[in-house]
């Protein structure tokens, strides 16, 4: 069984871009997304509008994963056209390139490391640390990890977390966060002005809400699931953070397509240079990758993930608030 650096080296043959495939997935997803939005706006049948609003949400989620691969320098790095497409997309979804890349790169380098900053991820503290918090600090911690906050990821993760918070901390470094807010709501206002309040709600707000909620939950559950582990700085390794603290999320083929194969999250953390369309191939080829810790989108697994609260070093597992001593 391959371990450590040898396992990372074994994934290198898959970390080679097929430019034609990258363009096919990027352009087909972009066109499909625009088509879904167009049908949502122009259809006069409410059921059709709602159906294509849902499809817009799912295709937007897929486009986000492709955008995420681009910012990992995994695909289409030398194309000005790709740069334009992804820059506009990032601005529209309230995840502009500067803040997303900075926070997400930090997340990859510090995933599952205790006592590091929670930049780019949901905060996790030990049981003892949580008990040492003031009541206000505990309330803030619980709010950030609350299912309500994840559900309203459009507001808390993207509008506030990605854009407003980055402007508060360093407006000069993240001017594109301001541009993102203006651009996003300019599109929304234009839809309201030209197509009415119904289309503003169904074609603009609803897809933004659903895709942001799904994206927030996926990001949460990929590192907050039964069986995940966390380490202090001295015991932390990059490979263990990928294989022990990042999940393989079981899905059917259609959901793997809509989520851009991000369910193979342990492989992505092992080698972020593997294009999303090669993750299943890597999984099927290397038996070591097939022994990942798993979760799924079943209601039972979702509830199990959402109940997790803090890391208990003594039991070596995440526990719920109910399991924390009074």
C-alpha atoms as a PDB file:
ATOM      1  CA  UNK A   1       0.000   0.000   0.000  1.00  0.00           C
ATOM      2  CA  UNK A   2       1.352   3.387  -1.007  1.00  0.00           C
ATOM      3  CA  UNK A   3       1.655   5.992   1.735  1.00  0.00           C
ATOM      4  CA  UNK A   4       2.910   9.523   2.252  1.00  0.00           C
ATOM      5  CA  UNK A   5       4.933  11.077  -0.529  1.00  0.00           C
ATOM      6  CA  UNK A   6       4.727   7.911  -2.617  1.00  0.00           C
ATOM      7  CA  UNK A   7       0.950   8.196  -2.736  1.00  0.00           C
ATOM      8  CA  UNK A   8       1.156  11.805  -3.898  1.00  0.00           C
ATOM      9  CA  UNK A   9       3.666  10.798  -6.594  1.00  0.00           C
ATOM     10  CA  UNK A  10       1.320   8.034  -7.743  1.00  0.00           C
ATOM     11  CA  UNK A  11      -1.349  10.663  -8.488  1.00  0.00           C
ATOM     12  CA  UNK A  12       0.933  12.765 -10.713  1.00  0.00           C
ATOM     13  CA  UNK A  13       0.028  10.985 -13.988  1.00  0.00           C
ATOM     14  CA  UNK A  14      -3.548  12.192 -13.482  1.00  0.00           C
ATOM     15  CA  UNK A  15      -2.463  15.794 -12.866  1.00  0.00           C
ATOM     16  CA  UNK A  16      -2.118  16.488 -16.575  1.00  0.00           C
ATOM     17  CA  UNK A  17      -4.696  18.682 -18.255  1.00  0.00           C
ATOM     18  CA  UNK A  18      -6.497  17.683 -21.431  1.00  0.00           C
ATOM     19  CA  UNK A  19      -7.059  21.180 -22.840  1.00  0.00           C
ATOM     20  CA  UNK A  20      -9.828  20.107 -25.208  1.00  0.00           C
ATOM     21  CA  UNK A  21     -11.713  18.471 -22.327  1.00  0.00           C
ATOM     22  CA  UNK A  22     -11.219  21.557 -20.169  1.00  0.00           C
ATOM     23  CA  UNK A  23     -12.669  23.771 -22.891  1.00  0.00           C
ATOM     24  CA  UNK A  24     -15.528  21.353 -23.566  1.00  0.00           C
ATOM     25  CA  UNK A  25     -16.575  21.261 -19.915  1.00  0.00           C
ATOM     26  CA  UNK A  26     -16.134  25.019 -19.452  1.00  0.00           C
ATOM     27  CA  UNK A  27     -18.017  26.107 -22.563  1.00  0.00           C
ATOM     28  CA  UNK A  28     -20.771  23.497 -22.381  1.00  0.00           C
ATOM     29  CA  UNK A  29     -21.423  24.334 -18.717  1.00  0.00           C
ATOM     30  CA  UNK A  30     -21.403  28.081 -19.424  1.00  0.00           C
ATOM     31  CA  UNK A  31     -23.845  27.713 -22.308  1.00  0.00           C
ATOM     32  CA  UNK A  32     -26.095  25.381 -20.324  1.00  0.00           C
ATOM     33  CA  UNK A  33     -26.107  27.805 -17.382  1.00  0.00           C
ATOM     34  CA  UNK A  34     -27.063  30.754 -19.589  1.00  0.00           C
ATOM     35  CA  UNK A  35     -29.747  28.643 -21.270  1.00  0.00           C
ATOM     36  CA  UNK A  36     -31.263  27.654 -17.910  1.00  0.00           C
ATOM     37  CA  UNK A  37     -31.355  31.281 -16.779  1.00  0.00           C
ATOM     38  CA  UNK A  38     -32.915  32.346 -20.086  1.00  0.00           C
ATOM     39  CA  UNK A  39     -35.690  29.748 -19.941  1.00  0.00           C
ATOM     40  CA  UNK A  40     -36.368  30.633 -16.301  1.00  0.00           C
ATOM     41  CA  UNK A  41     -36.862  34.291 -17.224  1.00  0.00           C
ATOM     42  CA  UNK A  42     -38.828  33.862 -20.440  1.00  0.00           C
ATOM     43  CA  UNK A  43     -41.140  30.997 -19.532  1.00  0.00           C
ATOM     44  CA  UNK A  44     -44.691  31.962 -18.541  1.00  0.00           C
ATOM     45  CA  UNK A  45     -45.355  28.628 -16.798  1.00  0.00           C
ATOM     46  CA  UNK A  46     -44.550  28.755 -13.086  1.00  0.00           C
ATOM     47  CA  UNK A  47     -43.659  25.051 -12.860  1.00  0.00           C
ATOM     48  CA  UNK A  48     -41.203  25.443 -15.763  1.00  0.00           C
ATOM     49  CA  UNK A  49     -39.696  28.560 -14.176  1.00  0.00           C
ATOM     50  CA  UNK A  50     -39.159  26.749 -10.875  1.00  0.00           C
ATOM     51  CA  UNK A  51     -37.717  23.665 -12.603  1.00  0.00           C
ATOM     52  CA  UNK A  52     -35.178  25.687 -14.558  1.00  0.00           C
ATOM     53  CA  UNK A  53     -34.378  27.835 -11.527  1.00  0.00           C
ATOM     54  CA  UNK A  54     -33.398  24.598  -9.758  1.00  0.00           C
ATOM     55  CA  UNK A  55     -31.381  23.489 -12.796  1.00  0.00           C
ATOM     56  CA  UNK A  56     -29.697  26.910 -12.842  1.00  0.00           C
ATOM     57  CA  UNK A  57     -28.681  26.340  -9.222  1.00  0.00           C
ATOM     58  CA  UNK A  58     -27.200  22.914  -9.933  1.00  0.00           C
ATOM     59  CA  UNK A  59     -25.385  23.974 -13.104  1.00  0.00           C
ATOM     60  CA  UNK A  60     -24.059  27.045 -11.271  1.00  0.00           C
ATOM     61  CA  UNK A  61     -22.665  24.689  -8.623  1.00  0.00           C
ATOM     62  CA  UNK A  62     -20.900  22.711 -11.368  1.00  0.00           C
ATOM     63  CA  UNK A  63     -19.541  25.919 -12.892  1.00  0.00           C
ATOM     64  CA  UNK A  64     -18.217  26.923  -9.486  1.00  0.00           C
ATOM     65  CA  UNK A  65     -16.159  23.727  -9.258  1.00  0.00           C
ATOM     66  CA  UNK A  66     -14.712  24.382 -12.727  1.00  0.00           C
ATOM     67  CA  UNK A  67     -13.936  27.956 -11.613  1.00  0.00           C
ATOM     68  CA  UNK A  68     -12.346  26.523  -8.471  1.00  0.00           C
ATOM     69  CA  UNK A  69     -10.118  24.261 -10.622  1.00  0.00           C
ATOM     70  CA  UNK A  70      -9.068  27.260 -12.699  1.00  0.00           C
ATOM     71  CA  UNK A  71      -7.964  29.129  -9.584  1.00  0.00           C
ATOM     72  CA  UNK A  72      -5.946  26.082  -8.512  1.00  0.00           C
ATOM     73  CA  UNK A  73      -3.995  26.552 -11.787  1.00  0.00           C
ATOM     74  CA  UNK A  74      -5.311  23.161 -12.864  1.00  0.00           C
ATOM     75  CA  UNK A  75      -7.003  24.117 -16.150  1.00  0.00           C
ATOM     76  CA  UNK A  76      -6.819  26.736 -18.938  1.00  0.00           C
ATOM     77  CA  UNK A  77      -4.059  28.820 -17.388  1.00  0.00           C
ATOM     78  CA  UNK A  78      -2.824  30.452 -20.588  1.00  0.00           C
ATOM     79  CA  UNK A  79      -6.166  31.550 -22.014  1.00  0.00           C
ATOM     80  CA  UNK A  80      -7.342  35.149 -21.823  1.00  0.00           C
ATOM     81  CA  UNK A  81     -10.830  34.030 -22.807  1.00  0.00           C
ATOM     82  CA  UNK A  82     -10.969  31.568 -19.892  1.00  0.00           C
ATOM     83  CA  UNK A  83      -9.650  34.287 -17.586  1.00  0.00           C
ATOM     84  CA  UNK A  84     -12.476  36.593 -18.675  1.00  0.00           C
ATOM     85  CA  UNK A  85     -15.162  33.913 -18.301  1.00  0.00           C
ATOM     86  CA  UNK A  86     -14.060  32.883 -14.833  1.00  0.00           C
ATOM     87  CA  UNK A  87     -13.467  36.444 -13.610  1.00  0.00           C
ATOM     88  CA  UNK A  88     -17.011  37.445 -14.568  1.00  0.00           C
ATOM     89  CA  UNK A  89     -18.428  34.255 -13.050  1.00  0.00           C
ATOM     90  CA  UNK A  90     -16.533  34.794  -9.791  1.00  0.00           C
ATOM     91  CA  UNK A  91     -17.811  38.348  -9.546  1.00  0.00           C
ATOM     92  CA  UNK A  92     -21.384  37.254 -10.195  1.00  0.00           C
ATOM     93  CA  UNK A  93     -21.439  34.516  -7.539  1.00  0.00           C
ATOM     94  CA  UNK A  94     -19.908  36.797  -4.877  1.00  0.00           C
ATOM     95  CA  UNK A  95     -16.656  34.819  -4.775  1.00  0.00           C
ATOM     96  CA  UNK A  96     -14.179  37.088  -6.603  1.00  0.00           C
ATOM     97  CA  UNK A  97     -10.799  35.680  -7.505  1.00  0.00           C
ATOM     98  CA  UNK A  98      -8.625  37.495  -4.934  1.00  0.00           C
ATOM     99  CA  UNK A  99     -10.522  36.482  -1.805  1.00  0.00           C
ATOM    100  CA  UNK A 100     -11.449  32.979  -2.980  1.00  0.00           C
ATOM    101  CA  UNK A 101      -7.899  32.054  -4.002  1.00  0.00           C
ATOM    102  CA  UNK A 102      -6.314  33.479  -0.844  1.00  0.00           C
ATOM    103  CA  UNK A 103      -8.746  31.777   1.528  1.00  0.00           C
ATOM    104  CA  UNK A 104      -8.938  28.497  -0.364  1.00  0.00           C
ATOM    105  CA  UNK A 105      -5.170  28.128  -0.768  1.00  0.00           C
ATOM    106  CA  UNK A 106      -4.838  28.681   2.988  1.00  0.00           C
ATOM    107  CA  UNK A 107      -7.475  26.016   3.591  1.00  0.00           C
ATOM    108  CA  UNK A 108      -5.526  23.465   1.538  1.00  0.00           C
ATOM    109  CA  UNK A 109      -2.334  24.130   3.460  1.00  0.00           C
ATOM    110  CA  UNK A 110      -3.947  23.987   6.918  1.00  0.00           C
ATOM    111  CA  UNK A 111      -6.902  21.599   6.538  1.00  0.00           C
ATOM    112  CA  UNK A 112      -7.615  19.721   9.812  1.00  0.00           C
ATOM    113  CA  UNK A 113      -4.833  21.512  11.692  1.00  0.00           C
ATOM    114  CA  UNK A 114      -5.934  22.491  15.200  1.00  0.00           C
ATOM    115  CA  UNK A 115      -5.222  25.994  16.518  1.00  0.00           C
ATOM    116  CA  UNK A 116      -4.727  27.446  13.042  1.00  0.00           C
ATOM    117  CA  UNK A 117      -6.892  30.210  11.633  1.00  0.00           C
ATOM    118  CA  UNK A 118     -10.246  29.152  10.177  1.00  0.00           C
ATOM    119  CA  UNK A 119      -9.673  31.228   7.024  1.00  0.00           C
ATOM    120  CA  UNK A 120     -11.435  29.497   4.169  1.00  0.00           C
ATOM    121  CA  UNK A 121     -13.181  26.905   6.329  1.00  0.00           C
ATOM    122  CA  UNK A 122     -15.611  26.409   9.199  1.00  0.00           C
ATOM    123  CA  UNK A 123     -13.885  26.888  12.579  1.00  0.00           C
ATOM    124  CA  UNK A 124     -13.198  23.807  14.710  1.00  0.00           C
ATOM    125  CA  UNK A 125     -11.916  23.908  18.279  1.00  0.00           C
ATOM    126  CA  UNK A 126     -11.248  21.292  20.926  1.00  0.00           C
ATOM    127  CA  UNK A 127     -13.702  20.572  23.728  1.00  0.00           C
ATOM    128  CA  UNK A 128     -11.377  22.272  26.231  1.00  0.00           C
ATOM    129  CA  UNK A 129     -10.982  25.356  24.055  1.00  0.00           C
ATOM    130  CA  UNK A 130     -14.741  25.661  23.631  1.00  0.00           C
ATOM    131  CA  UNK A 131     -15.246  25.414  27.409  1.00  0.00           C
ATOM    132  CA  UNK A 132     -12.685  28.188  27.903  1.00  0.00           C
ATOM    133  CA  UNK A 133     -14.651  30.537  25.641  1.00  0.00           C
ATOM    134  CA  UNK A 134     -16.765  33.315  27.078  1.00  0.00           C
ATOM    135  CA  UNK A 135     -20.518  32.934  26.571  1.00  0.00           C
ATOM    136  CA  UNK A 136     -20.349  35.411  23.697  1.00  0.00           C
ATOM    137  CA  UNK A 137     -17.487  33.538  22.027  1.00  0.00           C
ATOM    138  CA  UNK A 138     -19.457  30.302  22.342  1.00  0.00           C
ATOM    139  CA  UNK A 139     -22.502  31.941  20.742  1.00  0.00           C
ATOM    140  CA  UNK A 140     -20.394  33.179  17.812  1.00  0.00           C
ATOM    141  CA  UNK A 141     -18.815  29.743  17.329  1.00  0.00           C
ATOM    142  CA  UNK A 142     -22.203  28.030  17.421  1.00  0.00           C
ATOM    143  CA  UNK A 143     -23.696  30.554  15.019  1.00  0.00           C
ATOM    144  CA  UNK A 144     -20.949  30.077  12.406  1.00  0.00           C
ATOM    145  CA  UNK A 145     -21.424  26.299  12.484  1.00  0.00           C
ATOM    146  CA  UNK A 146     -25.225  26.436  12.750  1.00  0.00           C
ATOM    147  CA  UNK A 147     -27.283  24.622  10.055  1.00  0.00           C
ATOM    148  CA  UNK A 148     -29.237  27.882   9.617  1.00  0.00           C
ATOM    149  CA  UNK A 149     -26.005  29.707   8.765  1.00  0.00           C
ATOM    150  CA  UNK A 150     -25.052  27.000   6.257  1.00  0.00           C
ATOM    151  CA  UNK A 151     -28.543  27.091   4.723  1.00  0.00           C
ATOM    152  CA  UNK A 152     -28.243  30.851   4.295  1.00  0.00           C
ATOM    153  CA  UNK A 153     -24.750  30.565   2.824  1.00  0.00           C
ATOM    154  CA  UNK A 154     -25.763  33.139   0.205  1.00  0.00           C
ATOM    155  CA  UNK A 155     -25.751  35.776   2.943  1.00  0.00           C
ATOM    156  CA  UNK A 156     -23.270  34.526   5.517  1.00  0.00           C
ATOM    157  CA  UNK A 157     -20.639  32.652   3.452  1.00  0.00           C
ATOM    158  CA  UNK A 158     -20.677  34.589   0.194  1.00  0.00           C
ATOM    159  CA  UNK A 159     -22.113  38.101   0.591  1.00  0.00           C
ATOM    160  CA  UNK A 160     -20.688  38.705   4.070  1.00  0.00           C
ATOM    161  CA  UNK A 161     -17.854  36.159   4.386  1.00  0.00           C
ATOM    162  CA  UNK A 162     -16.338  36.529   0.930  1.00  0.00           C
ATOM    163  CA  UNK A 163     -17.119  40.147   0.114  1.00  0.00           C
ATOM    164  CA  UNK A 164     -18.105  42.411   3.004  1.00  0.00           C
ATOM    165  CA  UNK A 165     -15.680  40.899   5.525  1.00  0.00           C
ATOM    166  CA  UNK A 166     -12.753  41.067   3.097  1.00  0.00           C
ATOM    167  CA  UNK A 167     -13.541  44.741   2.408  1.00  0.00           C
ATOM    168  CA  UNK A 168     -13.636  45.484   6.131  1.00  0.00           C
ATOM    169  CA  UNK A 169     -10.262  43.797   6.673  1.00  0.00           C
ATOM    170  CA  UNK A 170      -8.444  45.173   3.617  1.00  0.00           C
ATOM    171  CA  UNK A 171     -10.408  47.140   1.053  1.00  0.00           C
ATOM    172  CA  UNK A 172      -7.304  47.969  -0.975  1.00  0.00           C
ATOM    173  CA  UNK A 173      -6.401  44.292  -1.463  1.00  0.00           C
ATOM    174  CA  UNK A 174      -9.924  43.168  -2.266  1.00  0.00           C
ATOM    175  CA  UNK A 175     -11.436  45.901  -4.391  1.00  0.00           C
ATOM    176  CA  UNK A 176     -12.933  43.145  -6.534  1.00  0.00           C
ATOM    177  CA  UNK A 177     -15.152  42.265  -3.558  1.00  0.00           C
ATOM    178  CA  UNK A 178     -16.823  45.669  -3.917  1.00  0.00           C
ATOM    179  CA  UNK A 179     -17.034  45.178  -7.683  1.00  0.00           C
ATOM    180  CA  UNK A 180     -18.605  41.763  -7.060  1.00  0.00           C
ATOM    181  CA  UNK A 181     -21.373  43.173  -4.842  1.00  0.00           C
ATOM    182  CA  UNK A 182     -22.142  45.952  -7.333  1.00  0.00           C
ATOM    183  CA  UNK A 183     -22.092  43.592 -10.319  1.00  0.00           C
ATOM    184  CA  UNK A 184     -24.173  40.873  -8.640  1.00  0.00           C
ATOM    185  CA  UNK A 185     -26.949  43.204  -7.553  1.00  0.00           C
ATOM    186  CA  UNK A 186     -26.815  45.184 -10.794  1.00  0.00           C
ATOM    187  CA  UNK A 187     -27.742  41.959 -12.570  1.00  0.00           C
ATOM    188  CA  UNK A 188     -30.505  41.392 -10.038  1.00  0.00           C
ATOM    189  CA  UNK A 189     -31.831  44.939 -10.402  1.00  0.00           C
ATOM    190  CA  UNK A 190     -31.745  44.650 -14.199  1.00  0.00           C
ATOM    191  CA  UNK A 191     -33.820  41.466 -14.048  1.00  0.00           C
ATOM    192  CA  UNK A 192     -36.277  43.201 -11.718  1.00  0.00           C
ATOM    193  CA  UNK A 193     -36.447  46.339 -13.907  1.00  0.00           C
ATOM    194  CA  UNK A 194     -36.907  44.589 -17.253  1.00  0.00           C
ATOM    195  CA  UNK A 195     -38.683  41.356 -16.266  1.00  0.00           C
ATOM    196  CA  UNK A 196     -40.495  42.079 -12.995  1.00  0.00           C
ATOM    197  CA  UNK A 197     -40.459  41.026  -9.366  1.00  0.00           C
ATOM    198  CA  UNK A 198     -41.382  37.385 -10.084  1.00  0.00           C
ATOM    199  CA  UNK A 199     -38.299  36.874 -12.236  1.00  0.00           C
ATOM    200  CA  UNK A 200     -36.165  38.744  -9.726  1.00  0.00           C
ATOM    201  CA  UNK A 201     -37.227  36.257  -7.050  1.00  0.00           C
ATOM    202  CA  UNK A 202     -37.269  33.059  -9.144  1.00  0.00           C
ATOM    203  CA  UNK A 203     -34.548  33.630 -11.750  1.00  0.00           C
ATOM    204  CA  UNK A 204     -32.112  35.645  -9.628  1.00  0.00           C
ATOM    205  CA  UNK A 205     -32.536  35.151  -5.877  1.00  0.00           C
ATOM    206  CA  UNK A 206     -33.693  31.520  -5.817  1.00  0.00           C
ATOM    207  CA  UNK A 207     -30.760  30.047  -7.821  1.00  0.00           C
ATOM    208  CA  UNK A 208     -28.294  32.161  -5.840  1.00  0.00           C
ATOM    209  CA  UNK A 209     -29.802  30.946  -2.574  1.00  0.00           C
ATOM    210  CA  UNK A 210     -29.920  27.250  -3.532  1.00  0.00           C
ATOM    211  CA  UNK A 211     -26.461  27.025  -5.109  1.00  0.00           C
ATOM    212  CA  UNK A 212     -24.880  28.922  -2.192  1.00  0.00           C
ATOM    213  CA  UNK A 213     -26.615  26.685   0.356  1.00  0.00           C
ATOM    214  CA  UNK A 214     -25.466  23.544  -1.455  1.00  0.00           C
ATOM    215  CA  UNK A 215     -21.947  24.873  -1.869  1.00  0.00           C
ATOM    216  CA  UNK A 216     -21.741  25.825   1.815  1.00  0.00           C
ATOM    217  CA  UNK A 217     -22.962  22.427   2.942  1.00  0.00           C
ATOM    218  CA  UNK A 218     -20.621  20.516   0.622  1.00  0.00           C
ATOM    219  CA  UNK A 219     -17.681  22.528   1.903  1.00  0.00           C
ATOM    220  CA  UNK A 220     -18.775  21.886   5.492  1.00  0.00           C
ATOM    221  CA  UNK A 221     -19.435  18.145   5.145  1.00  0.00           C
ATOM    222  CA  UNK A 222     -16.212  17.449   3.270  1.00  0.00           C
ATOM    223  CA  UNK A 223     -14.302  18.092   6.511  1.00  0.00           C
ATOM    224  CA  UNK A 224     -16.986  17.766   9.196  1.00  0.00           C
ATOM    225  CA  UNK A 225     -18.179  14.180   9.122  1.00  0.00           C
ATOM    226  CA  UNK A 226     -18.154  11.193  11.501  1.00  0.00           C
ATOM    227  CA  UNK A 227     -14.686   9.667  11.448  1.00  0.00           C
ATOM    228  CA  UNK A 228     -12.761  12.781  10.486  1.00  0.00           C
ATOM    229  CA  UNK A 229      -9.631  13.552  12.500  1.00  0.00           C
ATOM    230  CA  UNK A 230      -7.764  16.689  13.535  1.00  0.00           C
ATOM    231  CA  UNK A 231      -4.190  17.149  14.654  1.00  0.00           C
ATOM    232  CA  UNK A 232      -2.044  19.676  16.428  1.00  0.00           C
ATOM    233  CA  UNK A 233       0.705  21.289  14.395  1.00  0.00           C
ATOM    234  CA  UNK A 234       3.417  18.786  15.383  1.00  0.00           C
ATOM    235  CA  UNK A 235       1.374  15.722  14.416  1.00  0.00           C
ATOM    236  CA  UNK A 236      -0.102  17.155  11.225  1.00  0.00           C
ATOM    237  CA  UNK A 237       0.849  15.887   7.762  1.00  0.00           C
ATOM    238  CA  UNK A 238      -0.459  16.922   4.362  1.00  0.00           C
ATOM    239  CA  UNK A 239      -1.288  13.368   3.270  1.00  0.00           C
ATOM    240  CA  UNK A 240      -3.129  12.462   6.474  1.00  0.00           C
ATOM    241  CA  UNK A 241      -5.105  15.701   6.219  1.00  0.00           C
ATOM    242  CA  UNK A 242      -6.243  14.566   2.777  1.00  0.00           C
ATOM    243  CA  UNK A 243      -6.893  10.899   3.509  1.00  0.00           C
ATOM    244  CA  UNK A 244      -8.120  11.061   7.116  1.00  0.00           C
ATOM    245  CA  UNK A 245      -9.782  14.480   7.290  1.00  0.00           C
ATOM    246  CA  UNK A 246     -11.331  14.876   3.841  1.00  0.00           C
ATOM    247  CA  UNK A 247     -14.302  12.792   2.781  1.00  0.00           C
ATOM    248  CA  UNK A 248     -15.303  10.823  -0.261  1.00  0.00           C
ATOM    249  CA  UNK A 249     -18.934  11.836  -0.665  1.00  0.00           C
ATOM    250  CA  UNK A 250     -20.943   9.029  -2.234  1.00  0.00           C
ATOM    251  CA  UNK A 251     -23.337  10.271  -4.925  1.00  0.00           C
ATOM    252  CA  UNK A 252     -25.053   8.959  -8.028  1.00  0.00           C
ATOM    253  CA  UNK A 253     -23.512   9.804 -11.397  1.00  0.00           C
ATOM    254  CA  UNK A 254     -25.872  12.726 -12.033  1.00  0.00           C
ATOM    255  CA  UNK A 255     -24.964  14.443  -8.762  1.00  0.00           C
ATOM    256  CA  UNK A 256     -21.265  13.792  -9.376  1.00  0.00           C
ATOM    257  CA  UNK A 257     -21.770  15.651 -12.667  1.00  0.00           C
ATOM    258  CA  UNK A 258     -23.612  18.593 -11.088  1.00  0.00           C
ATOM    259  CA  UNK A 259     -20.987  18.849  -8.335  1.00  0.00           C
ATOM    260  CA  UNK A 260     -18.018  18.572 -10.701  1.00  0.00           C
ATOM    261  CA  UNK A 261     -16.741  15.419  -8.947  1.00  0.00           C
ATOM    262  CA  UNK A 262     -15.940  17.433  -5.822  1.00  0.00           C
ATOM    263  CA  UNK A 263     -17.205  14.425  -3.851  1.00  0.00           C
ATOM    264  CA  UNK A 264     -13.783  12.873  -4.524  1.00  0.00           C
ATOM    265  CA  UNK A 265     -12.551  15.448  -2.069  1.00  0.00           C
ATOM    266  CA  UNK A 266      -9.824  13.363  -0.473  1.00  0.00           C
ATOM    267  CA  UNK A 267      -8.132  13.023  -3.883  1.00  0.00           C
ATOM    268  CA  UNK A 268      -8.507  16.730  -4.568  1.00  0.00           C
ATOM    269  CA  UNK A 269      -6.765  17.529  -1.275  1.00  0.00           C
ATOM    270  CA  UNK A 270      -4.061  14.993  -2.003  1.00  0.00           C
ATOM    271  CA  UNK A 271      -3.274  16.603  -5.356  1.00  0.00           C
ATOM    272  CA  UNK A 272      -5.190  19.759  -6.283  1.00  0.00           C
ATOM    273  CA  UNK A 273      -3.604  19.771  -9.753  1.00  0.00           C
ATOM    274  CA  UNK A 274      -5.742  16.827 -10.896  1.00  0.00           C
ATOM    275  CA  UNK A 275      -8.492  18.237 -13.136  1.00  0.00           C
ATOM    276  CA  UNK A 276     -11.988  17.556 -11.811  1.00  0.00           C
ATOM    277  CA  UNK A 277     -12.781  15.327 -14.800  1.00  0.00           C
ATOM    278  CA  UNK A 278      -9.867  13.002 -13.949  1.00  0.00           C
ATOM    279  CA  UNK A 279     -10.714  12.470 -10.274  1.00  0.00           C
ATOM    280  CA  UNK A 280     -12.888   9.367 -10.911  1.00  0.00           C
ATOM    281  CA  UNK A 281     -10.101   7.882 -13.051  1.00  0.00           C
ATOM    282  CA  UNK A 282      -7.582   8.382 -10.242  1.00  0.00           C
ATOM    283  CA  UNK A 283     -10.018   6.817  -7.776  1.00  0.00           C
ATOM    284  CA  UNK A 284     -10.539   3.737  -9.948  1.00  0.00           C
ATOM    285  CA  UNK A 285      -6.817   3.329 -10.677  1.00  0.00           C
ATOM    286  CA  UNK A 286      -5.310   3.577  -7.192  1.00  0.00           C
ATOM    287  CA  UNK A 287      -6.670   1.138  -4.635  1.00  0.00           C
ATOM    288  CA  UNK A 288      -5.335   3.298  -1.778  1.00  0.00           C
ATOM    289  CA  UNK A 289      -7.774   6.043  -2.767  1.00  0.00           C
ATOM    290  CA  UNK A 290     -10.694   3.638  -2.471  1.00  0.00           C
ATOM    291  CA  UNK A 291     -10.243   3.355   1.305  1.00  0.00           C
ATOM    292  CA  UNK A 292     -11.356   6.904   2.044  1.00  0.00           C
ATOM    293  CA  UNK A 293     -13.703   7.894   4.825  1.00  0.00           C
ATOM    294  CA  UNK A 294     -17.160   8.466   3.420  1.00  0.00           C
ATOM    295  CA  UNK A 295     -20.343  10.436   3.821  1.00  0.00           C
ATOM    296  CA  UNK A 296     -23.288  11.078   1.507  1.00  0.00           C
ATOM    297  CA  UNK A 297     -26.205  13.391   0.811  1.00  0.00           C
ATOM    298  CA  UNK A 298     -28.717  11.077   2.476  1.00  0.00           C
ATOM    299  CA  UNK A 299     -30.820  12.795   5.186  1.00  0.00           C
ATOM    300  CA  UNK A 300     -29.288  10.525   7.848  1.00  0.00           C
ATOM    301  CA  UNK A 301     -25.707  11.386   6.901  1.00  0.00           C
ATOM    302  CA  UNK A 302     -26.542  15.090   6.640  1.00  0.00           C
ATOM    303  CA  UNK A 303     -27.930  15.068  10.180  1.00  0.00           C
ATOM    304  CA  UNK A 304     -24.874  13.193  11.468  1.00  0.00           C
ATOM    305  CA  UNK A 305     -22.578  15.820   9.955  1.00  0.00           C
ATOM    306  CA  UNK A 306     -24.607  18.772  11.213  1.00  0.00           C
ATOM    307  CA  UNK A 307     -24.647  17.451  14.792  1.00  0.00           C
ATOM    308  CA  UNK A 308     -20.844  17.593  15.050  1.00  0.00           C
ATOM    309  CA  UNK A 309     -19.581  20.484  17.135  1.00  0.00           C
ATOM    310  CA  UNK A 310     -16.068  20.219  18.625  1.00  0.00           C
ATOM    311  CA  UNK A 311     -13.060  17.928  18.551  1.00  0.00           C
ATOM    312  CA  UNK A 312     -12.508  15.723  21.594  1.00  0.00           C
ATOM    313  CA  UNK A 313      -8.779  14.819  21.720  1.00  0.00           C
ATOM    314  CA  UNK A 314      -9.342  12.123  24.357  1.00  0.00           C
ATOM    315  CA  UNK A 315     -11.912  10.213  22.285  1.00  0.00           C
ATOM    316  CA  UNK A 316     -10.217  11.172  18.999  1.00  0.00           C
ATOM    317  CA  UNK A 317     -13.502  12.166  17.409  1.00  0.00           C
ATOM    318  CA  UNK A 318     -15.910  15.052  16.839  1.00  0.00           C
ATOM    319  CA  UNK A 319     -18.687  15.281  19.411  1.00  0.00           C
ATOM    320  CA  UNK A 320     -21.985  17.170  19.646  1.00  0.00           C
ATOM    321  CA  UNK A 321     -22.803  20.046  21.978  1.00  0.00           C
ATOM    322  CA  UNK A 322     -24.863  17.621  24.080  1.00  0.00           C
ATOM    323  CA  UNK A 323     -21.737  15.563  24.753  1.00  0.00           C
ATOM    324  CA  UNK A 324     -19.777  18.528  26.088  1.00  0.00           C
ATOM    325  CA  UNK A 325     -19.705  18.577  29.925  1.00  0.00           C
ATOM    326  CA  UNK A 326     -21.720  21.356  31.524  1.00  0.00           C
END
